[in-house]
Amino acid sequence: MSKYSIILLISIALIIVIGAYVWMSTGMDQGIAVTSYNSSSTNGKPQQTDQVIIMADDATATISSIPTTLGENVAITFNIEASGTSPSGLDFRSPVVSTGPIKPGDSKTVNFTAENSFTFSPFKPATDVRRAYNITVIVQ
């Protein structure tokens, strides 16, 4: 193997390591938002769904705002952290859709069509005490 081949392999390995570090430092600790397309269609066009995954505990959530477009189908999955969450879990409430109680370590997905902006407020189900953060859905 020539020294140029070795230099090329080392360079590729460094790029992979640096890329993985950047991805982990910006994406792993954040909520994840994905746009996908359903197989169902409206007027012959695939129907788009905004999918959002949120990690949450009693103190915070990985996402504080969710931008979406008027008329979009939205699916939000709330993953409740096993540590940092009271045993009764969390209940995310809003005027549009609510999760109901979610136990630590569990998750629940809610689906809705984006019509108006609104805010999810987390509550401790056992005491009905509101937590100190919100998650806002912003319809543009």
C-alpha atoms as a PDB file:
ATOM      1  CA  MET A   1       0.000   0.000   0.000  1.00  0.00           C
ATOM      2  CA  SER A   2       1.457   3.365  -0.990  1.00  0.00           C
ATOM      3  CA  LYS A   3       1.872   6.253   1.416  1.00  0.00           C
ATOM      4  CA  TYR A   4      -0.793   8.190  -0.534  1.00  0.00           C
ATOM      5  CA  SER A   5      -3.316   5.400   0.061  1.00  0.00           C
ATOM      6  CA  ILE A   6      -2.510   5.421   3.776  1.00  0.00           C
ATOM      7  CA  ILE A   7      -2.892   9.219   3.932  1.00  0.00           C
ATOM      8  CA  LEU A   8      -6.219   8.941   2.090  1.00  0.00           C
ATOM      9  CA  LEU A   9      -7.514   6.283   4.516  1.00  0.00           C
ATOM     10  CA  ILE A  10      -6.445   8.329   7.535  1.00  0.00           C
ATOM     11  CA  SER A  11      -8.135  11.416   6.071  1.00  0.00           C
ATOM     12  CA  ILE A  12     -11.383   9.522   5.492  1.00  0.00           C
ATOM     13  CA  ALA A  13     -11.273   8.118   9.033  1.00  0.00           C
ATOM     14  CA  LEU A  14     -10.777  11.629  10.470  1.00  0.00           C
ATOM     15  CA  ILE A  15     -13.693  12.982   8.448  1.00  0.00           C
ATOM     16  CA  ILE A  16     -15.929  10.193   9.750  1.00  0.00           C
ATOM     17  CA  VAL A  17     -14.859  10.769  13.363  1.00  0.00           C
ATOM     18  CA  ILE A  18     -15.309  14.552  13.137  1.00  0.00           C
ATOM     19  CA  GLY A  19     -18.664  14.141  11.380  1.00  0.00           C
ATOM     20  CA  ALA A  20     -19.891  11.728  14.052  1.00  0.00           C
ATOM     21  CA  TYR A  21     -18.779  14.127  16.798  1.00  0.00           C
ATOM     22  CA  VAL A  22     -20.589  17.077  15.185  1.00  0.00           C
ATOM     23  CA  TRP A  23     -23.734  14.983  14.625  1.00  0.00           C
ATOM     24  CA  MET A  24     -23.761  13.749  18.212  1.00  0.00           C
ATOM     25  CA  SER A  25     -23.112  17.182  19.695  1.00  0.00           C
ATOM     26  CA  THR A  26     -25.876  18.844  17.676  1.00  0.00           C
ATOM     27  CA  GLY A  27     -28.423  16.121  17.013  1.00  0.00           C
ATOM     28  CA  MET A  28     -28.366  13.576  19.808  1.00  0.00           C
ATOM     29  CA  ASP A  29     -29.105  16.075  22.592  1.00  0.00           C
ATOM     30  CA  GLN A  30     -31.791  17.807  20.552  1.00  0.00           C
ATOM     31  CA  GLY A  31     -35.256  16.675  19.645  1.00  0.00           C
ATOM     32  CA  ILE A  32     -35.513  15.194  16.208  1.00  0.00           C
ATOM     33  CA  ALA A  33     -37.750  16.577  13.489  1.00  0.00           C
ATOM     34  CA  VAL A  34     -38.312  14.564  10.336  1.00  0.00           C
ATOM     35  CA  THR A  35     -40.509  15.220   7.333  1.00  0.00           C
ATOM     36  CA  SER A  36     -41.914  12.115   5.696  1.00  0.00           C
ATOM     37  CA  TYR A  37     -44.551  11.250   3.153  1.00  0.00           C
ATOM     38  CA  ASN A  38     -47.485   8.917   3.649  1.00  0.00           C
ATOM     39  CA  SER A  39     -48.598   6.504   0.981  1.00  0.00           C
ATOM     40  CA  SER A  40     -52.083   8.055   1.102  1.00  0.00           C
ATOM     41  CA  SER A  41     -52.599  10.964  -1.229  1.00  0.00           C
ATOM     42  CA  THR A  42     -54.703  14.058  -1.673  1.00  0.00           C
ATOM     43  CA  ASN A  43     -55.386  15.167  -5.249  1.00  0.00           C
ATOM     44  CA  GLY A  44     -52.868  12.623  -6.514  1.00  0.00           C
ATOM     45  CA  LYS A  45     -50.040  14.033  -4.347  1.00  0.00           C
ATOM     46  CA  PRO A  46     -48.505  12.223  -1.375  1.00  0.00           C
ATOM     47  CA  GLN A  47     -49.657  13.624   1.943  1.00  0.00           C
ATOM     48  CA  GLN A  48     -46.747  15.042   3.969  1.00  0.00           C
ATOM     49  CA  THR A  49     -46.389  14.382   7.701  1.00  0.00           C
ATOM     50  CA  ASP A  50     -44.083  16.322  10.012  1.00  0.00           C
ATOM     51  CA  GLN A  51     -42.748  13.848  12.587  1.00  0.00           C
ATOM     52  CA  VAL A  52     -41.161  15.198  15.757  1.00  0.00           C
ATOM     53  CA  ILE A  53     -39.526  13.196  18.553  1.00  0.00           C
ATOM     54  CA  ILE A  54     -39.167  14.894  21.941  1.00  0.00           C
ATOM     55  CA  MET A  55     -37.244  13.675  24.979  1.00  0.00           C
ATOM     56  CA  ALA A  56     -38.646  15.135  28.205  1.00  0.00           C
ATOM     57  CA  ASP A  57     -38.369  14.912  31.982  1.00  0.00           C
ATOM     58  CA  ASP A  58     -39.719  16.968  34.892  1.00  0.00           C
ATOM     59  CA  ALA A  59     -37.349  19.891  34.224  1.00  0.00           C
ATOM     60  CA  THR A  60     -37.014  20.225  30.457  1.00  0.00           C
ATOM     61  CA  ALA A  61     -37.693  18.967  26.935  1.00  0.00           C
ATOM     62  CA  THR A  62     -35.283  18.738  24.012  1.00  0.00           C
ATOM     63  CA  ILE A  63     -37.487  20.970  21.857  1.00  0.00           C
ATOM     64  CA  SER A  64     -39.260  24.150  22.953  1.00  0.00           C
ATOM     65  CA  SER A  65     -40.876  25.049  19.629  1.00  0.00           C
ATOM     66  CA  ILE A  66     -42.098  23.100  16.623  1.00  0.00           C
ATOM     67  CA  PRO A  67     -42.534  25.068  13.401  1.00  0.00           C
ATOM     68  CA  THR A  68     -44.951  23.615  10.870  1.00  0.00           C
ATOM     69  CA  THR A  69     -47.069  24.703   7.929  1.00  0.00           C
ATOM     70  CA  LEU A  70     -50.800  25.312   7.888  1.00  0.00           C
ATOM     71  CA  GLY A  71     -52.618  22.124   6.903  1.00  0.00           C
ATOM     72  CA  GLU A  72     -49.680  19.786   7.590  1.00  0.00           C
ATOM     73  CA  ASN A  73     -50.267  16.498   9.358  1.00  0.00           C
ATOM     74  CA  VAL A  74     -48.082  16.444  12.458  1.00  0.00           C
ATOM     75  CA  ALA A  75     -47.040  13.467  14.595  1.00  0.00           C
ATOM     76  CA  ILE A  76     -45.255  14.258  17.869  1.00  0.00           C
ATOM     77  CA  THR A  77     -43.741  11.457  19.914  1.00  0.00           C
ATOM     78  CA  PHE A  78     -43.131  12.306  23.562  1.00  0.00           C
ATOM     79  CA  ASN A  79     -40.408  10.077  25.084  1.00  0.00           C
ATOM     80  CA  ILE A  80     -40.328  10.398  28.863  1.00  0.00           C
ATOM     81  CA  GLU A  81     -36.898   9.998  30.449  1.00  0.00           C
ATOM     82  CA  ALA A  82     -36.662   7.250  33.061  1.00  0.00           C
ATOM     83  CA  SER A  83     -34.399   9.383  35.234  1.00  0.00           C
ATOM     84  CA  GLY A  84     -35.328  12.909  36.249  1.00  0.00           C
ATOM     85  CA  THR A  85     -39.056  12.206  36.005  1.00  0.00           C
ATOM     86  CA  SER A  86     -41.425  11.594  38.918  1.00  0.00           C
ATOM     87  CA  PRO A  87     -42.919   8.063  39.096  1.00  0.00           C
ATOM     88  CA  SER A  88     -46.328   9.283  37.895  1.00  0.00           C
ATOM     89  CA  GLY A  89     -44.708  10.566  34.674  1.00  0.00           C
ATOM     90  CA  LEU A  90     -45.895  13.501  32.594  1.00  0.00           C
ATOM     91  CA  ASP A  91     -49.105  14.572  30.859  1.00  0.00           C
ATOM     92  CA  PHE A  92     -48.698  17.088  27.996  1.00  0.00           C
ATOM     93  CA  ARG A  93     -51.879  19.160  27.628  1.00  0.00           C
ATOM     94  CA  SER A  94     -52.952  21.633  24.961  1.00  0.00           C
ATOM     95  CA  PRO A  95     -56.195  23.041  23.574  1.00  0.00           C
ATOM     96  CA  VAL A  96     -55.734  20.889  20.442  1.00  0.00           C
ATOM     97  CA  VAL A  97     -54.531  17.491  21.657  1.00  0.00           C
ATOM     98  CA  SER A  98     -53.207  16.011  24.899  1.00  0.00           C
ATOM     99  CA  THR A  99     -51.130  12.934  25.619  1.00  0.00           C
ATOM    100  CA  GLY A 100     -52.695  11.680  28.825  1.00  0.00           C
ATOM    101  CA  PRO A 101     -50.291  10.309  31.450  1.00  0.00           C
ATOM    102  CA  ILE A 102     -46.999   8.863  30.143  1.00  0.00           C
ATOM    103  CA  LYS A 103     -44.907   6.860  32.623  1.00  0.00           C
ATOM    104  CA  PRO A 104     -41.107   7.311  32.857  1.00  0.00           C
ATOM    105  CA  GLY A 105     -39.375   5.223  30.194  1.00  0.00           C
ATOM    106  CA  ASP A 106     -42.520   5.146  28.019  1.00  0.00           C
ATOM    107  CA  SER A 107     -43.588   7.167  24.987  1.00  0.00           C
ATOM    108  CA  LYS A 108     -46.766   8.278  23.319  1.00  0.00           C
ATOM    109  CA  THR A 109     -47.460   9.769  19.884  1.00  0.00           C
ATOM    110  CA  VAL A 110     -50.154  12.350  19.175  1.00  0.00           C
ATOM    111  CA  ASN A 111     -51.335  13.258  15.675  1.00  0.00           C
ATOM    112  CA  PHE A 112     -53.124  16.369  14.452  1.00  0.00           C
ATOM    113  CA  THR A 113     -53.547  18.654  11.458  1.00  0.00           C
ATOM    114  CA  ALA A 114     -51.821  22.025  11.944  1.00  0.00           C
ATOM    115  CA  GLU A 115     -54.502  24.715  11.907  1.00  0.00           C
ATOM    116  CA  ASN A 116     -53.498  27.180  14.655  1.00  0.00           C
ATOM    117  CA  SER A 117     -50.450  27.736  16.838  1.00  0.00           C
ATOM    118  CA  PHE A 118     -50.766  26.373  20.360  1.00  0.00           C
ATOM    119  CA  THR A 119     -48.749  25.329  23.396  1.00  0.00           C
ATOM    120  CA  PHE A 120     -48.270  22.000  25.172  1.00  0.00           C
ATOM    121  CA  SER A 121     -47.899  22.354  28.950  1.00  0.00           C
ATOM    122  CA  PRO A 122     -46.503  19.389  30.920  1.00  0.00           C
ATOM    123  CA  PHE A 123     -48.203  18.350  34.155  1.00  0.00           C
ATOM    124  CA  LYS A 124     -47.367  15.815  36.854  1.00  0.00           C
ATOM    125  CA  PRO A 125     -50.412  13.489  36.685  1.00  0.00           C
ATOM    126  CA  ALA A 126     -50.375  12.459  40.371  1.00  0.00           C
ATOM    127  CA  THR A 127     -50.681  16.033  41.687  1.00  0.00           C
ATOM    128  CA  ASP A 128     -51.837  17.995  38.614  1.00  0.00           C
ATOM    129  CA  VAL A 129     -48.875  20.344  39.136  1.00  0.00           C
ATOM    130  CA  ARG A 130     -47.717  22.144  35.994  1.00  0.00           C
ATOM    131  CA  ARG A 131     -44.017  21.864  35.101  1.00  0.00           C
ATOM    132  CA  ALA A 132     -41.888  24.960  34.386  1.00  0.00           C
ATOM    133  CA  TYR A 133     -41.530  24.635  30.599  1.00  0.00           C
ATOM    134  CA  ASN A 134     -43.700  24.601  27.468  1.00  0.00           C
ATOM    135  CA  ILE A 135     -43.528  23.260  23.940  1.00  0.00           C
ATOM    136  CA  THR A 136     -45.079  25.580  21.358  1.00  0.00           C
ATOM    137  CA  VAL A 137     -46.368  24.462  17.959  1.00  0.00           C
ATOM    138  CA  ILE A 138     -45.956  27.380  15.550  1.00  0.00           C
ATOM    139  CA  VAL A 139     -48.205  27.188  12.477  1.00  0.00           C
ATOM    140  CA  GLN A 140     -46.961  29.352   9.628  1.00  0.00           C
END
